[in-house]
Amino acid sequence: MPALNRTDLHDQHKPVIAEAIFAVEAVSAGEQSEKQLKAKAVLDNLFPLDAGSHQDVTCYVIDYRHLLAYFKDGSHCGLKDASHFVAFSGEKEDPCAILLRDGSGCHLELSLGCRKGSGAVELVEIEDIQLESCTTFSQGPALPPSMAAMRHWISLIKGDGKPQAMMEDKEFTAKCGADYYLDYSFTL
């Protein structure tokens, strides 16, 4: 997996995402609680809740076609922009991953850690946040001109403290119940 550096990211048109990556990158891999705080701040910045903060969420649940965030006091809310939630993996009552998409079409995968069985209501643990980054290139002299793209996933939490580009296909369940595939490479 190729490592990304600041020069690669500054060339992109996503300064907010680049800033989020560098904020999480600045925290060493050994400081997981601080990394969790920074990762949840990324979610608050890119995909804010209707009320409250991702910092205070105890669990996420899929209710029909909506993502709900639950808090310690039993209250819950959705995303400020409900259309950002597009898919999930796992069970609706206990998703393993949640897929969000911003207004420009870029995806963010939120991988959730296992809930601890201590009996106390605890904050949700984020296993990883992966941000989608696409690279486009021409497929040659084909008529009509066509463009291809390669989808990279930049991991914010896993690894040695540096974001890593991961090139892999991903499969989810769309909020409508259909299959939702994100291929590693695709034609525009």
Protein backbone atom coordinates (compact mmCIF):
# COMPACT_ATOMS: atom_id res chain seq x y z
CA MET A 1 0.00 0.00 0.00
CA PRO A 2 1.61 3.26 -1.06
CA ALA A 3 1.89 5.96 1.58
CA LEU A 4 0.55 9.40 0.71
CA ASN A 5 2.44 12.55 1.52
CA ARG A 6 1.36 16.16 1.93
CA THR A 7 2.41 17.08 -1.63
CA ASP A 8 0.06 14.46 -3.13
CA LEU A 9 -2.85 15.70 -1.04
CA HIS A 10 -2.28 19.41 -1.63
CA ASP A 11 -2.70 18.78 -5.37
CA GLN A 12 -6.27 17.56 -4.77
CA HIS A 13 -9.32 19.81 -4.69
CA LYS A 14 -10.38 18.69 -1.22
CA PRO A 15 -8.60 20.96 1.29
CA VAL A 16 -11.06 20.08 4.10
CA ILE A 17 -10.34 16.37 3.72
CA ALA A 18 -6.59 17.03 3.51
CA GLU A 19 -6.75 19.08 6.73
CA ALA A 20 -8.68 16.27 8.43
CA ILE A 21 -6.09 13.72 7.35
CA PHE A 22 -3.22 15.81 8.68
CA ALA A 23 -5.00 16.44 12.02
CA VAL A 24 -5.37 12.70 12.62
CA GLU A 25 -1.91 11.97 11.21
CA ALA A 26 -0.35 14.29 13.79
CA VAL A 27 -1.45 11.92 16.60
CA SER A 28 0.85 8.94 17.13
CA ALA A 29 -0.52 5.43 16.67
CA GLY A 30 -0.04 4.72 20.41
CA GLU A 31 -2.46 7.46 21.48
CA GLN A 32 -5.71 5.74 20.50
CA SER A 33 -8.01 7.86 22.69
CA GLU A 34 -6.67 11.06 21.11
CA LYS A 35 -6.92 9.46 17.66
CA GLN A 36 -10.59 8.62 18.40
CA LEU A 37 -11.29 12.26 19.34
CA LYS A 38 -9.66 13.56 16.16
CA ALA A 39 -11.46 10.98 13.99
CA LYS A 40 -14.83 11.91 15.48
CA ALA A 41 -14.01 15.59 14.91
CA VAL A 42 -13.51 14.70 11.21
CA LEU A 43 -17.04 13.24 11.21
CA ASP A 44 -18.45 16.35 12.92
CA ASN A 45 -16.79 18.51 10.27
CA LEU A 46 -17.67 16.50 7.15
CA PHE A 47 -20.97 14.81 8.18
CA PRO A 48 -22.48 16.68 11.15
CA LEU A 49 -25.38 15.32 13.16
CA ASP A 50 -28.72 17.09 13.34
CA ALA A 51 -28.09 17.64 17.07
CA GLY A 52 -25.07 16.80 19.20
CA SER A 53 -21.69 15.48 18.21
CA HIS A 54 -20.21 12.20 16.98
CA GLN A 55 -17.97 12.53 20.07
CA ASP A 56 -20.96 11.62 22.29
CA VAL A 57 -22.48 8.76 20.25
CA THR A 58 -22.91 5.39 22.00
CA CYS A 59 -24.13 3.52 18.90
CA TYR A 60 -25.28 3.94 15.33
CA VAL A 61 -28.42 2.17 14.09
CA ILE A 62 -30.04 1.96 10.66
CA ASP A 63 -33.77 2.67 10.97
CA TYR A 64 -35.53 1.96 7.68
CA ARG A 65 -33.42 4.18 5.34
CA HIS A 66 -31.96 6.51 7.94
CA LEU A 67 -28.82 6.53 10.04
CA LEU A 68 -29.55 7.26 13.70
CA ALA A 69 -26.97 8.17 16.34
CA TYR A 70 -27.85 7.30 19.95
CA PHE A 71 -26.51 9.08 23.03
CA LYS A 72 -26.00 8.05 26.69
CA ASP A 73 -29.24 9.68 27.81
CA GLY A 74 -31.24 7.59 25.30
CA SER A 75 -31.89 10.46 22.90
CA HIS A 76 -31.06 10.08 19.23
CA CYS A 77 -30.80 12.06 16.02
CA GLY A 78 -29.91 11.67 12.37
CA LEU A 79 -27.43 13.38 10.12
CA LYS A 80 -27.95 17.07 9.38
CA ASP A 81 -28.16 16.04 5.73
CA ALA A 82 -29.84 12.62 5.67
CA SER A 83 -28.89 12.08 2.02
CA HIS A 84 -25.23 11.65 3.06
CA PHE A 85 -25.99 8.15 4.40
CA VAL A 86 -25.88 5.72 1.46
CA ALA A 87 -25.02 2.19 2.66
CA PHE A 88 -23.84 -0.08 5.48
CA SER A 89 -22.48 -3.55 6.20
CA GLY A 90 -23.50 -5.85 9.02
CA GLU A 91 -26.86 -5.76 10.75
CA LYS A 92 -29.13 -2.72 10.85
CA GLU A 93 -29.22 -2.85 14.67
CA ASP A 94 -25.43 -3.20 14.94
CA PRO A 95 -23.67 -2.14 11.70
CA CYS A 96 -20.00 -3.03 11.22
CA ALA A 97 -19.49 -0.20 8.75
CA ILE A 98 -21.41 2.85 7.60
CA LEU A 99 -20.84 4.43 4.19
CA LEU A 100 -21.41 8.17 3.80
CA ARG A 101 -21.14 10.24 0.61
CA ASP A 102 -20.60 13.99 0.46
CA GLY A 103 -22.16 16.38 -2.03
CA SER A 104 -19.32 15.94 -4.53
CA GLY A 105 -19.75 12.14 -4.59
CA CYS A 106 -16.75 11.15 -2.47
CA HIS A 107 -17.29 8.39 0.07
CA LEU A 108 -16.24 7.93 3.69
CA GLU A 109 -16.38 4.50 5.32
CA LEU A 110 -16.84 4.48 9.08
CA SER A 111 -15.77 1.09 10.52
CA LEU A 112 -17.10 0.49 14.02
CA GLY A 113 -15.37 -1.46 16.76
CA CYS A 114 -17.02 -4.16 18.82
CA ARG A 115 -19.20 -3.01 21.68
CA LYS A 116 -17.87 -3.99 25.07
CA GLY A 117 -20.18 -6.04 27.28
CA SER A 118 -19.51 -4.26 30.59
CA GLY A 119 -23.19 -3.38 31.07
CA ALA A 120 -22.45 0.35 31.17
CA VAL A 121 -23.38 2.56 28.23
CA GLU A 122 -20.11 3.44 26.53
CA LEU A 123 -19.17 5.67 23.64
CA VAL A 124 -18.92 3.97 20.26
CA GLU A 125 -15.40 2.98 19.28
CA ILE A 126 -14.35 3.83 15.76
CA GLU A 127 -12.13 1.11 14.36
CA ASP A 128 -11.21 3.13 11.29
CA ILE A 129 -12.29 5.95 9.01
CA GLN A 130 -11.41 5.55 5.36
CA LEU A 131 -11.74 8.48 2.99
CA GLU A 132 -12.16 7.92 -0.73
CA SER A 133 -9.79 9.61 -3.11
CA CYS A 134 -10.00 9.13 -6.89
CA THR A 135 -7.33 9.46 -9.54
CA THR A 136 -8.52 9.91 -13.14
CA PHE A 137 -6.65 9.21 -16.37
CA SER A 138 -7.39 8.94 -20.08
CA GLN A 139 -7.92 5.45 -21.51
CA GLY A 140 -6.27 6.35 -24.77
CA PRO A 141 -7.46 7.20 -28.29
CA ALA A 142 -10.82 5.44 -27.91
CA LEU A 143 -13.77 7.16 -29.58
CA PRO A 144 -15.58 8.81 -27.91
CA PRO A 145 -12.93 9.88 -25.41
CA SER A 146 -13.32 8.02 -22.14
CA MET A 147 -11.80 8.51 -18.74
CA ALA A 148 -10.99 5.87 -16.18
CA ALA A 149 -10.64 6.35 -12.47
CA MET A 150 -8.96 4.48 -9.67
CA ARG A 151 -10.48 4.65 -6.21
CA HIS A 152 -8.07 4.85 -3.25
CA TRP A 153 -9.08 4.53 0.41
CA ILE A 154 -7.06 6.59 2.87
CA SER A 155 -7.10 5.07 6.36
CA LEU A 156 -7.05 7.65 9.16
CA ILE A 157 -6.78 5.40 12.22
CA LYS A 158 -5.12 2.10 11.34
CA GLY A 159 -1.44 1.75 10.65
CA ASP A 160 1.64 3.48 11.98
CA GLY A 161 0.11 6.92 12.40
CA LYS A 162 0.41 7.79 8.72
CA PRO A 163 -2.55 7.62 6.32
CA GLN A 164 -2.21 4.68 3.92
CA ALA A 165 -3.84 4.40 0.51
CA MET A 166 -5.67 1.09 0.17
CA MET A 167 -6.72 -0.09 -3.25
CA GLU A 168 -9.59 -2.58 -2.92
CA ASP A 169 -13.15 -3.21 -4.02
CA LYS A 170 -15.82 -2.73 -1.35
CA GLU A 171 -19.30 -4.20 -0.98
CA PHE A 172 -22.15 -2.81 1.13
CA THR A 173 -25.93 -2.93 1.46
CA ALA A 174 -27.54 0.27 0.16
CA LYS A 175 -30.07 1.95 2.44
CA CYS A 176 -32.80 0.71 0.05
CA GLY A 177 -31.61 -2.90 0.55
CA ALA A 178 -29.88 -3.36 -2.83
CA ASP A 179 -26.20 -4.25 -3.25
CA TYR A 180 -23.86 -1.24 -3.25
CA TYR A 181 -20.45 -1.87 -4.86
CA LEU A 182 -17.49 0.44 -5.03
CA ASP A 183 -15.00 -0.98 -7.53
CA TYR A 184 -11.30 -0.22 -7.24
CA SER A 185 -11.20 0.99 -10.85
CA PHE A 186 -14.06 2.20 -13.02
CA THR A 187 -14.92 4.17 -16.17
CA LEU A 188 -16.34 7.67 -15.88
